[in-house]
Structure formats: structure tokens, C-alpha cells
Amino acid sequence: MLEDKAKDLGRSIGQSEEYKAVKRSSDALNNDREATTILRQMEKIRQDAQAMIDRGEEPTGDMEQQLDTLLQQVQVNPAYQAAISAQDNFDKLMLRVNQWIADGIRTGAASPIILG
């Protein structure tokens, strides 16, 4: 019973406008060569910095400056902005869904009747 309801909920979320917007904006971002290049560069610097931290070293100021510069570049990219906005809206939807689930759990725990 719970598995079926969970799958139904998942299907409903997958059909929501918020999810569709995330999917569209993610596809658009992945197809934006400039944005993906910048994001890959940022990830490489982050990985290098994490490796330094793992070795007990401090990341360099140059690495921090490079990240700041790349972040400024990607933040003005329309595909990146759309992806961030869509993800934010989807995250808000999921917070509401989780709240509805929590409300349902509280209601179910207080109810002596088992619904099937």
C-alpha cells in the first residue's frame, strides 16, 4: 500500500510544472558550452582545494580568486540563472510535499482508524 502511494506521489511530482522546469533548464544548461566549461573549471578547482585540505594544506588565495571570478562569470549566464531559479522552485515544492507528508503522519498517528 505505501509503495503504491509513494510511486503515485513520485509520478505526480514528475508531472509537476516545477519538475518539468528543472528538467528543461538542466537540459538547457548542459547544452550551454560556456556555462558548462565554467562549471567544470569551478569543480576542478574545488576538487583540487579539497585534496589540499585532505592533505592538511590550505587552498591558495589564487584558487579562491579564480573561483570568485568564475562564479561571477557563470552567475550572469541566462541558462545558469534559469537552472538556479527552477531548482529553487522545485526545492520549495519538495519542502511543501515533505510538510504535507509530516502532517499526514501526525494525523495518521493520532487516528485509531486504519485507512487502506
PDB file of N, CA and C in Angstrom:
ATOM      1  N   MET A   1       0.818  -1.188   0.000  1.00  0.00           N
ATOM      2  CA  MET A   1       0.000   0.000   0.000  1.00  0.00           C
ATOM      3  C   MET A   1       0.870   1.263   0.000  1.00  0.00           C
ATOM      4  N   LEU A   2       1.838   1.339   0.917  1.00  0.00           N
ATOM      5  CA  LEU A   2       2.691   2.530   0.976  1.00  0.00           C
ATOM      6  C   LEU A   2       3.528   2.681  -0.285  1.00  0.00           C
ATOM      7  N   GLU A   3       4.018   1.564  -0.795  1.00  0.00           N
ATOM      8  CA  GLU A   3       4.844   1.631  -2.002  1.00  0.00           C
ATOM      9  C   GLU A   3       4.041   2.197  -3.168  1.00  0.00           C
ATOM     10  N   ASP A   4       2.817   1.743  -3.322  1.00  0.00           N
ATOM     11  CA  ASP A   4       1.970   2.243  -4.413  1.00  0.00           C
ATOM     12  C   ASP A   4       1.694   3.732  -4.259  1.00  0.00           C
ATOM     13  N   LYS A   5       1.394   4.153  -3.032  1.00  0.00           N
ATOM     14  CA  LYS A   5       1.122   5.575  -2.802  1.00  0.00           C
ATOM     15  C   LYS A   5       2.376   6.416  -3.035  1.00  0.00           C
ATOM     16  N   ALA A   6       3.526   5.887  -2.637  1.00  0.00           N
ATOM     17  CA  ALA A   6       4.782   6.603  -2.852  1.00  0.00           C
ATOM     18  C   ALA A   6       5.071   6.734  -4.351  1.00  0.00           C
ATOM     19  N   LYS A   7       4.821   5.662  -5.105  1.00  0.00           N
ATOM     20  CA  LYS A   7       5.038   5.719  -6.549  1.00  0.00           C
ATOM     21  C   LYS A   7       4.072   6.702  -7.201  1.00  0.00           C
ATOM     22  N   ASP A   8       2.833   6.734  -6.732  1.00  0.00           N
ATOM     23  CA  ASP A   8       1.864   7.710  -7.247  1.00  0.00           C
ATOM     24  C   ASP A   8       2.329   9.132  -6.957  1.00  0.00           C
ATOM     25  N   LEU A   9       2.819   9.348  -5.750  1.00  0.00           N
ATOM     26  CA  LEU A   9       3.331  10.667  -5.387  1.00  0.00           C
ATOM     27  C   LEU A   9       4.515  11.032  -6.286  1.00  0.00           C
ATOM     28  N   GLY A  10       5.416  10.082  -6.499  1.00  0.00           N
ATOM     29  CA  GLY A  10       6.562  10.327  -7.370  1.00  0.00           C
ATOM     30  C   GLY A  10       6.136  10.675  -8.788  1.00  0.00           C
ATOM     31  N   ARG A  11       5.141   9.961  -9.304  1.00  0.00           N
ATOM     32  CA  ARG A  11       4.629  10.266 -10.642  1.00  0.00           C
ATOM     33  C   ARG A  11       4.048  11.676 -10.681  1.00  0.00           C
ATOM     34  N   SER A  12       3.300  12.027  -9.639  1.00  0.00           N
ATOM     35  CA  SER A  12       2.709  13.370  -9.591  1.00  0.00           C
ATOM     36  C   SER A  12       3.787  14.451  -9.545  1.00  0.00           C
ATOM     37  N   ILE A  13       4.821  14.203  -8.769  1.00  0.00           N
ATOM     38  CA  ILE A  13       5.923  15.168  -8.698  1.00  0.00           C
ATOM     39  C   ILE A  13       6.607  15.258 -10.059  1.00  0.00           C
ATOM     40  N   GLY A  14       6.821  14.127 -10.712  1.00  0.00           N
ATOM     41  CA  GLY A  14       7.460  14.102 -12.021  1.00  0.00           C
ATOM     42  C   GLY A  14       6.645  14.819 -13.088  1.00  0.00           C
ATOM     43  N   GLN A  15       5.337  14.919 -12.882  1.00  0.00           N
ATOM     44  CA  GLN A  15       4.470  15.606 -13.832  1.00  0.00           C
ATOM     45  C   GLN A  15       4.221  17.063 -13.447  1.00  0.00           C
ATOM     46  N   SER A  16       4.787  17.489 -12.326  1.00  0.00           N
ATOM     47  CA  SER A  16       4.563  18.867 -11.874  1.00  0.00           C
ATOM     48  C   SER A  16       5.309  19.853 -12.773  1.00  0.00           C
ATOM     49  N   GLU A  17       4.776  21.057 -12.841  1.00  0.00           N
ATOM     50  CA  GLU A  17       5.428  22.111 -13.622  1.00  0.00           C
ATOM     51  C   GLU A  17       6.816  22.420 -13.072  1.00  0.00           C
ATOM     52  N   GLU A  18       6.969  22.344 -11.750  1.00  0.00           N
ATOM     53  CA  GLU A  18       8.260  22.629 -11.128  1.00  0.00           C
ATOM     54  C   GLU A  18       9.323  21.621 -11.587  1.00  0.00           C
ATOM     55  N   TYR A  19       8.945  20.339 -11.626  1.00  0.00           N
ATOM     56  CA  TYR A  19       9.904  19.323 -12.064  1.00  0.00           C
ATOM     57  C   TYR A  19      10.218  19.491 -13.549  1.00  0.00           C
ATOM     58  N   LYS A  20       9.184  19.737 -14.340  1.00  0.00           N
ATOM     59  CA  LYS A  20       9.398  19.924 -15.776  1.00  0.00           C
ATOM     60  C   LYS A  20      10.330  21.109 -16.033  1.00  0.00           C
ATOM     61  N   ALA A  21      10.178  22.172 -15.250  1.00  0.00           N
ATOM     62  CA  ALA A  21      11.048  23.350 -15.410  1.00  0.00           C
ATOM     63  C   ALA A  21      12.489  23.013 -15.048  1.00  0.00           C
ATOM     64  N   VAL A  22      12.680  22.208 -13.998  1.00  0.00           N
ATOM     65  CA  VAL A  22      14.039  21.789 -13.622  1.00  0.00           C
ATOM     66  C   VAL A  22      14.661  20.975 -14.755  1.00  0.00           C
ATOM     67  N   LYS A  23      13.895  20.062 -15.298  1.00  0.00           N
ATOM     68  CA  LYS A  23      14.398  19.209 -16.382  1.00  0.00           C
ATOM     69  C   LYS A  23      14.761  20.051 -17.603  1.00  0.00           C
ATOM     70  N   ARG A  24      13.868  20.956 -18.001  1.00  0.00           N
ATOM     71  CA  ARG A  24      14.141  21.813 -19.164  1.00  0.00           C
ATOM     72  C   ARG A  24      15.373  22.687 -18.935  1.00  0.00           C
ATOM     73  N   SER A  25      15.426  23.314 -17.768  1.00  0.00           N
ATOM     74  CA  SER A  25      16.543  24.233 -17.511  1.00  0.00           C
ATOM     75  C   SER A  25      17.860  23.475 -17.362  1.00  0.00           C
ATOM     76  N   SER A  26      17.804  22.279 -16.822  1.00  0.00           N
ATOM     77  CA  SER A  26      19.006  21.457 -16.700  1.00  0.00           C
ATOM     78  C   SER A  26      19.514  21.053 -18.086  1.00  0.00           C
ATOM     79  N   ASP A  27      18.592  20.651 -18.951  1.00  0.00           N
ATOM     80  CA  ASP A  27      18.982  20.303 -20.323  1.00  0.00           C
ATOM     81  C   ASP A  27      19.588  21.513 -21.035  1.00  0.00           C
ATOM     82  N   ALA A  28      18.970  22.677 -20.860  1.00  0.00           N
ATOM     83  CA  ALA A  28      19.478  23.896 -21.496  1.00  0.00           C
ATOM     84  C   ALA A  28      20.866  24.251 -20.959  1.00  0.00           C
ATOM     85  N   LEU A  29      21.048  24.104 -19.659  1.00  0.00           N
ATOM     86  CA  LEU A  29      22.352  24.402 -19.053  1.00  0.00           C
ATOM     87  C   LEU A  29      23.409  23.433 -19.575  1.00  0.00           C
ATOM     88  N   ASN A  30      23.054  22.154 -19.665  1.00  0.00           N
ATOM     89  CA  ASN A  30      24.009  21.163 -20.175  1.00  0.00           C
ATOM     90  C   ASN A  30      24.373  21.419 -21.634  1.00  0.00           C
ATOM     91  N   ASN A  31      23.494  22.075 -22.378  1.00  0.00           N
ATOM     92  CA  ASN A  31      23.765  22.381 -23.776  1.00  0.00           C
ATOM     93  C   ASN A  31      24.449  23.731 -23.969  1.00  0.00           C
ATOM     94  N   ASP A  32      24.646  24.464 -22.883  1.00  0.00           N
ATOM     95  CA  ASP A  32      25.313  25.771 -22.953  1.00  0.00           C
ATOM     96  C   ASP A  32      26.813  25.554 -22.727  1.00  0.00           C
ATOM     97  N   ARG A  33      27.571  25.603 -23.821  1.00  0.00           N
ATOM     98  CA  ARG A  33      29.004  25.289 -23.756  1.00  0.00           C
ATOM     99  C   ARG A  33      29.761  26.215 -22.795  1.00  0.00           C
ATOM    100  N   GLU A  34      29.438  27.502 -22.838  1.00  0.00           N
ATOM    101  CA  GLU A  34      30.138  28.458 -21.973  1.00  0.00           C
ATOM    102  C   GLU A  34      29.900  28.143 -20.499  1.00  0.00           C
ATOM    103  N   ALA A  35      28.636  27.925 -20.140  1.00  0.00           N
ATOM    104  CA  ALA A  35      28.301  27.650 -18.743  1.00  0.00           C
ATOM    105  C   ALA A  35      28.917  26.345 -18.276  1.00  0.00           C
ATOM    106  N   THR A  36      28.836  25.305 -19.099  1.00  0.00           N
ATOM    107  CA  THR A  36      29.380  24.014 -18.671  1.00  0.00           C
ATOM    108  C   THR A  36      30.901  24.066 -18.531  1.00  0.00           C
ATOM    109  N   THR A  37      31.550  24.836 -19.381  1.00  0.00           N
ATOM    110  CA  THR A  37      33.007  24.986 -19.263  1.00  0.00           C
ATOM    111  C   THR A  37      33.361  25.657 -17.943  1.00  0.00           C
ATOM    112  N   ILE A  38      32.660  26.718 -17.618  1.00  0.00           N
ATOM    113  CA  ILE A  38      32.917  27.425 -16.364  1.00  0.00           C
ATOM    114  C   ILE A  38      32.633  26.526 -15.172  1.00  0.00           C
ATOM    115  N   LEU A  39      31.516  25.819 -15.210  1.00  0.00           N
ATOM    116  CA  LEU A  39      31.159  24.935 -14.091  1.00  0.00           C
ATOM    117  C   LEU A  39      32.181  23.809 -13.919  1.00  0.00           C
ATOM    118  N   ARG A  40      32.690  23.276 -15.029  1.00  0.00           N
ATOM    119  CA  ARG A  40      33.734  22.235 -14.936  1.00  0.00           C
ATOM    120  C   ARG A  40      35.017  22.812 -14.328  1.00  0.00           C
ATOM    121  N   GLN A  41      35.372  24.035 -14.733  1.00  0.00           N
ATOM    122  CA  GLN A  41      36.560  24.676 -14.169  1.00  0.00           C
ATOM    123  C   GLN A  41      36.389  24.880 -12.661  1.00  0.00           C
ATOM    124  N   MET A  42      35.189  25.319 -12.267  1.00  0.00           N
ATOM    125  CA  MET A  42      34.926  25.529 -10.846  1.00  0.00           C
ATOM    126  C   MET A  42      35.026  24.213 -10.077  1.00  0.00           C
ATOM    127  N   GLU A  43      34.471  23.155 -10.625  1.00  0.00           N
ATOM    128  CA  GLU A  43      34.519  21.853  -9.961  1.00  0.00           C
ATOM    129  C   GLU A  43      35.951  21.357  -9.826  1.00  0.00           C
ATOM    130  N   LYS A  44      36.771  21.571 -10.847  1.00  0.00           N
ATOM    131  CA  LYS A  44      38.181  21.159 -10.793  1.00  0.00           C
ATOM    132  C   LYS A  44      38.908  21.911  -9.681  1.00  0.00           C
ATOM    133  N   ILE A  45      38.676  23.200  -9.566  1.00  0.00           N
ATOM    134  CA  ILE A  45      39.325  23.984  -8.510  1.00  0.00           C
ATOM    135  C   ILE A  45      38.842  23.493  -7.139  1.00  0.00           C
ATOM    136  N   ARG A  46      37.546  23.234  -7.013  1.00  0.00           N
ATOM    137  CA  ARG A  46      37.020  22.726  -5.732  1.00  0.00           C
ATOM    138  C   ARG A  46      37.638  21.383  -5.367  1.00  0.00           C
ATOM    139  N   GLN A  47      37.769  20.506  -6.353  1.00  0.00           N
ATOM    140  CA  GLN A  47      38.381  19.205  -6.087  1.00  0.00           C
ATOM    141  C   GLN A  47      39.838  19.358  -5.673  1.00  0.00           C
ATOM    142  N   ASP A  48      40.559  20.226  -6.364  1.00  0.00           N
ATOM    143  CA  ASP A  48      41.955  20.483  -6.012  1.00  0.00           C
ATOM    144  C   ASP A  48      42.066  21.058  -4.601  1.00  0.00           C
ATOM    145  N   ALA A  49      41.182  21.980  -4.267  1.00  0.00           N
ATOM    146  CA  ALA A  49      41.185  22.583  -2.926  1.00  0.00           C
ATOM    147  C   ALA A  49      40.871  21.526  -1.871  1.00  0.00           C
ATOM    148  N   GLN A  50      39.896  20.657  -2.148  1.00  0.00           N
ATOM    149  CA  GLN A  50      39.546  19.603  -1.194  1.00  0.00           C
ATOM    150  C   GLN A  50      40.716  18.638  -0.999  1.00  0.00           C
ATOM    151  N   ALA A  51      41.415  18.324  -2.083  1.00  0.00           N
ATOM    152  CA  ALA A  51      42.585  17.449  -1.979  1.00  0.00           C
ATOM    153  C   ALA A  51      43.656  18.094  -1.112  1.00  0.00           C
ATOM    154  N   MET A  52      43.829  19.395  -1.255  1.00  0.00           N
ATOM    155  CA  MET A  52      44.804  20.105  -0.418  1.00  0.00           C
ATOM    156  C   MET A  52      44.382  20.053   1.042  1.00  0.00           C
ATOM    157  N   ILE A  53      43.104  20.287   1.305  1.00  0.00           N
ATOM    158  CA  ILE A  53      42.587  20.245   2.681  1.00  0.00           C
ATOM    159  C   ILE A  53      42.779  18.848   3.268  1.00  0.00           C
ATOM    160  N   ASP A  54      42.509  17.828   2.466  1.00  0.00           N
ATOM    161  CA  ASP A  54      42.676  16.442   2.922  1.00  0.00           C
ATOM    162  C   ASP A  54      44.122  16.139   3.283  1.00  0.00           C
ATOM    163  N   ARG A  55      45.057  16.813   2.627  1.00  0.00           N
ATOM    164  CA  ARG A  55      46.486  16.643   2.925  1.00  0.00           C
ATOM    165  C   ARG A  55      46.944  17.559   4.064  1.00  0.00           C
ATOM    166  N   GLY A  56      46.027  18.344   4.599  1.00  0.00           N
ATOM    167  CA  GLY A  56      46.373  19.251   5.688  1.00  0.00           C
ATOM    168  C   GLY A  56      46.925  20.584   5.203  1.00  0.00           C
ATOM    169  N   GLU A  57      46.756  20.871   3.940  1.00  0.00           N
ATOM    170  CA  GLU A  57      47.241  22.124   3.364  1.00  0.00           C
ATOM    171  C   GLU A  57      46.091  23.106   3.220  1.00  0.00           C
ATOM    172  N   GLU A  58      46.438  24.360   3.096  1.00  0.00           N
ATOM    173  CA  GLU A  58      45.452  25.412   2.864  1.00  0.00           C
ATOM    174  C   GLU A  58      45.340  25.686   1.370  1.00  0.00           C
ATOM    175  N   PRO A  59      44.118  25.769   0.838  1.00  0.00           N
ATOM    176  CA  PRO A  59      43.979  26.193  -0.558  1.00  0.00           C
ATOM    177  C   PRO A  59      44.575  27.592  -0.726  1.00  0.00           C
ATOM    178  N   THR A  60      45.063  27.863  -1.912  1.00  0.00           N
ATOM    179  CA  THR A  60      45.739  29.135  -2.150  1.00  0.00           C
ATOM    180  C   THR A  60      44.729  30.268  -2.360  1.00  0.00           C
ATOM    181  N   GLY A  61      45.189  31.460  -2.125  1.00  0.00           N
ATOM    182  CA  GLY A  61      44.371  32.636  -2.387  1.00  0.00           C
ATOM    183  C   GLY A  61      44.035  32.749  -3.863  1.00  0.00           C
ATOM    184  N   ASP A  62      44.954  32.289  -4.706  1.00  0.00           N
ATOM    185  CA  ASP A  62      44.721  32.310  -6.147  1.00  0.00           C
ATOM    186  C   ASP A  62      43.541  31.400  -6.514  1.00  0.00           C
ATOM    187  N   MET A  63      43.447  30.267  -5.863  1.00  0.00           N
ATOM    188  CA  MET A  63      42.332  29.347  -6.123  1.00  0.00           C
ATOM    189  C   MET A  63      41.011  30.016  -5.744  1.00  0.00           C
ATOM    190  N   GLU A  64      41.009  30.676  -4.605  1.00  0.00           N
ATOM    191  CA  GLU A  64      39.801  31.372  -4.152  1.00  0.00           C
ATOM    192  C   GLU A  64      39.422  32.481  -5.130  1.00  0.00           C
ATOM    193  N   GLN A  65      40.417  33.220  -5.603  1.00  0.00           N
ATOM    194  CA  GLN A  65      40.166  34.294  -6.561  1.00  0.00           C
ATOM    195  C   GLN A  65      39.633  33.740  -7.877  1.00  0.00           C
ATOM    196  N   GLN A  66      40.210  32.631  -8.334  1.00  0.00           N
ATOM    197  CA  GLN A  66      39.732  32.003  -9.566  1.00  0.00           C
ATOM    198  C   GLN A  66      38.269  31.581  -9.422  1.00  0.00           C
ATOM    199  N   LEU A  67      37.943  30.980  -8.272  1.00  0.00           N
ATOM    200  CA  LEU A  67      36.559  30.566  -8.036  1.00  0.00           C
ATOM    201  C   LEU A  67      35.620  31.755  -8.034  1.00  0.00           C
ATOM    202  N   ASP A  68      36.017  32.832  -7.383  1.00  0.00           N
ATOM    203  CA  ASP A  68      35.187  34.037  -7.335  1.00  0.00           C
ATOM    204  C   ASP A  68      34.951  34.586  -8.743  1.00  0.00           C
ATOM    205  N   THR A  69      36.007  34.634  -9.536  1.00  0.00           N
ATOM    206  CA  THR A  69      35.900  35.152 -10.902  1.00  0.00           C
ATOM    207  C   THR A  69      34.984  34.273 -11.744  1.00  0.00           C
ATOM    208  N   LEU A  70      35.171  32.964 -11.647  1.00  0.00           N
ATOM    209  CA  LEU A  70      34.330  32.038 -12.410  1.00  0.00           C
ATOM    210  C   LEU A  70      32.872  32.120 -11.962  1.00  0.00           C
ATOM    211  N   LEU A  71      32.659  32.250 -10.667  1.00  0.00           N
ATOM    212  CA  LEU A  71      31.299  32.360 -10.150  1.00  0.00           C
ATOM    213  C   LEU A  71      30.620  33.616 -10.692  1.00  0.00           C
ATOM    214  N   GLN A  72      31.343  34.719 -10.723  1.00  0.00           N
ATOM    215  CA  GLN A  72      30.787  35.954 -11.272  1.00  0.00           C
ATOM    216  C   GLN A  72      30.426  35.784 -12.751  1.00  0.00           C
ATOM    217  N   GLN A  73      31.263  35.045 -13.475  1.00  0.00           N
ATOM    218  CA  GLN A  73      31.012  34.821 -14.897  1.00  0.00           C
ATOM    219  C   GLN A  73      29.764  33.962 -15.110  1.00  0.00           C
ATOM    220  N   VAL A  74      29.631  32.889 -14.334  1.00  0.00           N
ATOM    221  CA  VAL A  74      28.516  31.964 -14.560  1.00  0.00           C
ATOM    222  C   VAL A  74      27.202  32.543 -14.048  1.00  0.00           C
ATOM    223  N   GLN A  75      27.263  33.376 -13.024  1.00  0.00           N
ATOM    224  CA  GLN A  75      26.034  33.927 -12.443  1.00  0.00           C
ATOM    225  C   GLN A  75      25.270  34.828 -13.405  1.00  0.00           C
ATOM    226  N   VAL A  76      25.933  35.377 -14.385  1.00  0.00           N
ATOM    227  CA  VAL A  76      25.239  36.238 -15.350  1.00  0.00           C
ATOM    228  C   VAL A  76      24.761  35.454 -16.576  1.00  0.00           C
ATOM    229  N   ASN A  77      25.062  34.169 -16.610  1.00  0.00           N
ATOM    230  CA  ASN A  77      24.646  33.330 -17.728  1.00  0.00           C
ATOM    231  C   ASN A  77      23.154  33.022 -17.612  1.00  0.00           C
ATOM    232  N   PRO A  78      22.358  33.324 -18.646  1.00  0.00           N
ATOM    233  CA  PRO A  78      20.907  33.098 -18.573  1.00  0.00           C
ATOM    234  C   PRO A  78      20.516  31.641 -18.316  1.00  0.00           C
ATOM    235  N   ALA A  79      21.235  30.699 -18.907  1.00  0.00           N
ATOM    236  CA  ALA A  79      20.914  29.280 -18.693  1.00  0.00           C
ATOM    237  C   ALA A  79      21.167  28.895 -17.237  1.00  0.00           C
ATOM    238  N   TYR A  80      22.238  29.405 -16.664  1.00  0.00           N
ATOM    239  CA  TYR A  80      22.554  29.134 -15.259  1.00  0.00           C
ATOM    240  C   TYR A  80      21.499  29.760 -14.349  1.00  0.00           C
ATOM    241  N   GLN A  81      21.139  31.002 -14.631  1.00  0.00           N
ATOM    242  CA  GLN A  81      20.113  31.684 -13.829  1.00  0.00           C
ATOM    243  C   GLN A  81      18.791  30.929 -13.873  1.00  0.00           C
ATOM    244  N   ALA A  82      18.405  30.457 -15.055  1.00  0.00           N
ATOM    245  CA  ALA A  82      17.152  29.707 -15.197  1.00  0.00           C
ATOM    246  C   ALA A  82      17.219  28.400 -14.418  1.00  0.00           C
ATOM    247  N   ALA A  83      18.359  27.723 -14.467  1.00  0.00           N
ATOM    248  CA  ALA A  83      18.508  26.456 -13.749  1.00  0.00           C
ATOM    249  C   ALA A  83      18.440  26.669 -12.238  1.00  0.00           C
ATOM    250  N   ILE A  84      19.079  27.713 -11.750  1.00  0.00           N
ATOM    251  CA  ILE A  84      19.057  28.005 -10.313  1.00  0.00           C
ATOM    252  C   ILE A  84      17.642  28.359  -9.870  1.00  0.00           C
ATOM    253  N   SER A  85      16.954  29.162 -10.644  1.00  0.00           N
ATOM    254  CA  SER A  85      15.587  29.555 -10.313  1.00  0.00           C
ATOM    255  C   SER A  85      14.650  28.348 -10.315  1.00  0.00           C
ATOM    256  N   ALA A  86      14.760  27.505 -11.350  1.00  0.00           N
ATOM    257  CA  ALA A  86      13.908  26.321 -11.433  1.00  0.00           C
ATOM    258  C   ALA A  86      14.181  25.367 -10.276  1.00  0.00           C
ATOM    259  N   GLN A  87      15.460  25.203  -9.928  1.00  0.00           N
ATOM    260  CA  GLN A  87      15.801  24.309  -8.813  1.00  0.00           C
ATOM    261  C   GLN A  87      15.258  24.859  -7.502  1.00  0.00           C
ATOM    262  N   ASP A  88      15.327  26.169  -7.327  1.00  0.00           N
ATOM    263  CA  ASP A  88      14.801  26.795  -6.121  1.00  0.00           C
ATOM    264  C   ASP A  88      13.288  26.563  -6.008  1.00  0.00           C
ATOM    265  N   ASN A  89      12.583  26.730  -7.113  1.00  0.00           N
ATOM    266  CA  ASN A  89      11.131  26.494  -7.104  1.00  0.00           C
ATOM    267  C   ASN A  89      10.805  25.032  -6.819  1.00  0.00           C
ATOM    268  N   PHE A  90      11.584  24.120  -7.388  1.00  0.00           N
ATOM    269  CA  PHE A  90      11.368  22.696  -7.136  1.00  0.00           C
ATOM    270  C   PHE A  90      11.656  22.356  -5.671  1.00  0.00           C
ATOM    271  N   ASP A  91      12.719  22.939  -5.128  1.00  0.00           N
ATOM    272  CA  ASP A  91      13.045  22.714  -3.718  1.00  0.00           C
ATOM    273  C   ASP A  91      11.905  23.188  -2.815  1.00  0.00           C
ATOM    274  N   LYS A  92      11.303  24.318  -3.159  1.00  0.00           N
ATOM    275  CA  LYS A  92      10.158  24.822  -2.382  1.00  0.00           C
ATOM    276  C   LYS A  92       8.986  23.854  -2.461  1.00  0.00           C
ATOM    277  N   LEU A  93       8.735  23.304  -3.658  1.00  0.00           N
ATOM    278  CA  LEU A  93       7.676  22.305  -3.804  1.00  0.00           C
ATOM    279  C   LEU A  93       7.961  21.096  -2.918  1.00  0.00           C
ATOM    280  N   MET A  94       9.188  20.630  -2.934  1.00  0.00           N
ATOM    281  CA  MET A  94       9.530  19.438  -2.142  1.00  0.00           C
ATOM    282  C   MET A  94       9.428  19.714  -0.644  1.00  0.00           C
ATOM    283  N   LEU A  95       9.727  20.925  -0.226  1.00  0.00           N
ATOM    284  CA  LEU A  95       9.531  21.280   1.185  1.00  0.00           C
ATOM    285  C   LEU A  95       8.053  21.201   1.552  1.00  0.00           C
ATOM    286  N   ARG A  96       7.197  21.704   0.645  1.00  0.00           N
ATOM    287  CA  ARG A  96       5.753  21.628   0.892  1.00  0.00           C
ATOM    288  C   ARG A  96       5.283  20.179   0.918  1.00  0.00           C
ATOM    289  N   VAL A  97       5.768  19.370  -0.016  1.00  0.00           N
ATOM    290  CA  VAL A  97       5.397  17.945  -0.051  1.00  0.00           C
ATOM    291  C   VAL A  97       5.817  17.270   1.254  1.00  0.00           C
ATOM    292  N   ASN A  98       7.034  17.532   1.694  1.00  0.00           N
ATOM    293  CA  ASN A  98       7.501  16.931   2.949  1.00  0.00           C
ATOM    294  C   ASN A  98       6.657  17.391   4.130  1.00  0.00           C
ATOM    295  N   GLN A  99       6.223  18.640   4.114  1.00  0.00           N
ATOM    296  CA  GLN A  99       5.361  19.133   5.184  1.00  0.00           C
ATOM    297  C   GLN A  99       4.010  18.431   5.146  1.00  0.00           C
ATOM    298  N   TRP A 100       3.470  18.255   3.934  1.00  0.00           N
ATOM    299  CA  TRP A 100       2.191  17.546   3.801  1.00  0.00           C
ATOM    300  C   TRP A 100       2.319  16.105   4.299  1.00  0.00           C
ATOM    301  N   ILE A 101       3.454  15.468   3.995  1.00  0.00           N
ATOM    302  CA  ILE A 101       3.682  14.104   4.478  1.00  0.00           C
ATOM    303  C   ILE A 101       3.762  14.093   5.995  1.00  0.00           C
ATOM    304  N   ALA A 102       4.500  15.046   6.566  1.00  0.00           N
ATOM    305  CA  ALA A 102       4.613  15.122   8.026  1.00  0.00           C
ATOM    306  C   ALA A 102       3.250  15.357   8.665  1.00  0.00           C
ATOM    307  N   ASP A 103       2.444  16.229   8.056  1.00  0.00           N
ATOM    308  CA  ASP A 103       1.088  16.461   8.559  1.00  0.00           C
ATOM    309  C   ASP A 103       0.271  15.178   8.505  1.00  0.00           C
ATOM    310  N   GLY A 104       0.398  14.449   7.406  1.00  0.00           N
ATOM    311  CA  GLY A 104      -0.317  13.184   7.262  1.00  0.00           C
ATOM    312  C   GLY A 104       0.123  12.159   8.286  1.00  0.00           C
ATOM    313  N   ILE A 105       1.404  12.122   8.583  1.00  0.00           N
ATOM    314  CA  ILE A 105       1.918  11.195   9.598  1.00  0.00           C
ATOM    315  C   ILE A 105       1.336  11.541  10.960  1.00  0.00           C
ATOM    316  N   ARG A 106       1.336  12.827  11.294  1.00  0.00           N
ATOM    317  CA  ARG A 106       0.768  13.241  12.583  1.00  0.00           C
ATOM    318  C   ARG A 106      -0.710  12.876  12.664  1.00  0.00           C
ATOM    319  N   THR A 107      -1.441  13.143  11.582  1.00  0.00           N
ATOM    320  CA  THR A 107      -2.861  12.813  11.548  1.00  0.00           C
ATOM    321  C   THR A 107      -3.067  11.306  11.659  1.00  0.00           C
ATOM    322  N   GLY A 108      -2.269  10.552  10.927  1.00  0.00           N
ATOM    323  CA  GLY A 108      -2.387   9.087  10.961  1.00  0.00           C
ATOM    324  C   GLY A 108      -2.038   8.516  12.308  1.00  0.00           C
ATOM    325  N   ALA A 109      -1.026   9.081  12.954  1.00  0.00           N
ATOM    326  CA  ALA A 109      -0.627   8.585  14.274  1.00  0.00           C
ATOM    327  C   ALA A 109      -1.691   8.857  15.312  1.00  0.00           C
ATOM    328  N   ALA A 110      -2.460   9.928  15.110  1.00  0.00           N
ATOM    329  CA  ALA A 110      -3.491  10.297  16.087  1.00  0.00           C
ATOM    330  C   ALA A 110      -4.808   9.565  15.823  1.00  0.00           C
ATOM    331  N   SER A 111      -4.938   8.955  14.648  1.00  0.00           N
ATOM    332  CA  SER A 111      -6.195   8.318  14.270  1.00  0.00           C
ATOM    333  C   SER A 111      -6.179   6.827  14.623  1.00  0.00           C
ATOM    334  N   PRO A 112      -7.238   6.375  15.307  1.00  0.00           N
ATOM    335  CA  PRO A 112      -7.291   4.945  15.634  1.00  0.00           C
ATOM    336  C   PRO A 112      -7.771   4.108  14.445  1.00  0.00           C
ATOM    337  N   ILE A 113      -8.202   4.753  13.381  1.00  0.00           N
ATOM    338  CA  ILE A 113      -8.734   4.044  12.220  1.00  0.00           C
ATOM    339  C   ILE A 113      -7.621   3.816  11.207  1.00  0.00           C
ATOM    340  N   ILE A 114      -7.518   2.577  10.734  1.00  0.00           N
ATOM    341  CA  ILE A 114      -6.521   2.249   9.726  1.00  0.00           C
ATOM    342  C   ILE A 114      -7.160   2.398   8.365  1.00  0.00           C
ATOM    343  N   LEU A 115      -6.559   3.265   7.544  1.00  0.00           N
ATOM    344  CA  LEU A 115      -7.090   3.508   6.205  1.00  0.00           C
ATOM    345  C   LEU A 115      -6.381   2.571   5.228  1.00  0.00           C
ATOM    346  N   GLY A 116      -7.102   2.039   4.309  1.00  0.00           N
ATOM    347  CA  GLY A 116      -6.486   1.113   3.365  1.00  0.00           C
ATOM    348  C   GLY A 116      -6.660   1.504   2.043  1.00  0.00           C
TER     349      GLY A 116
END
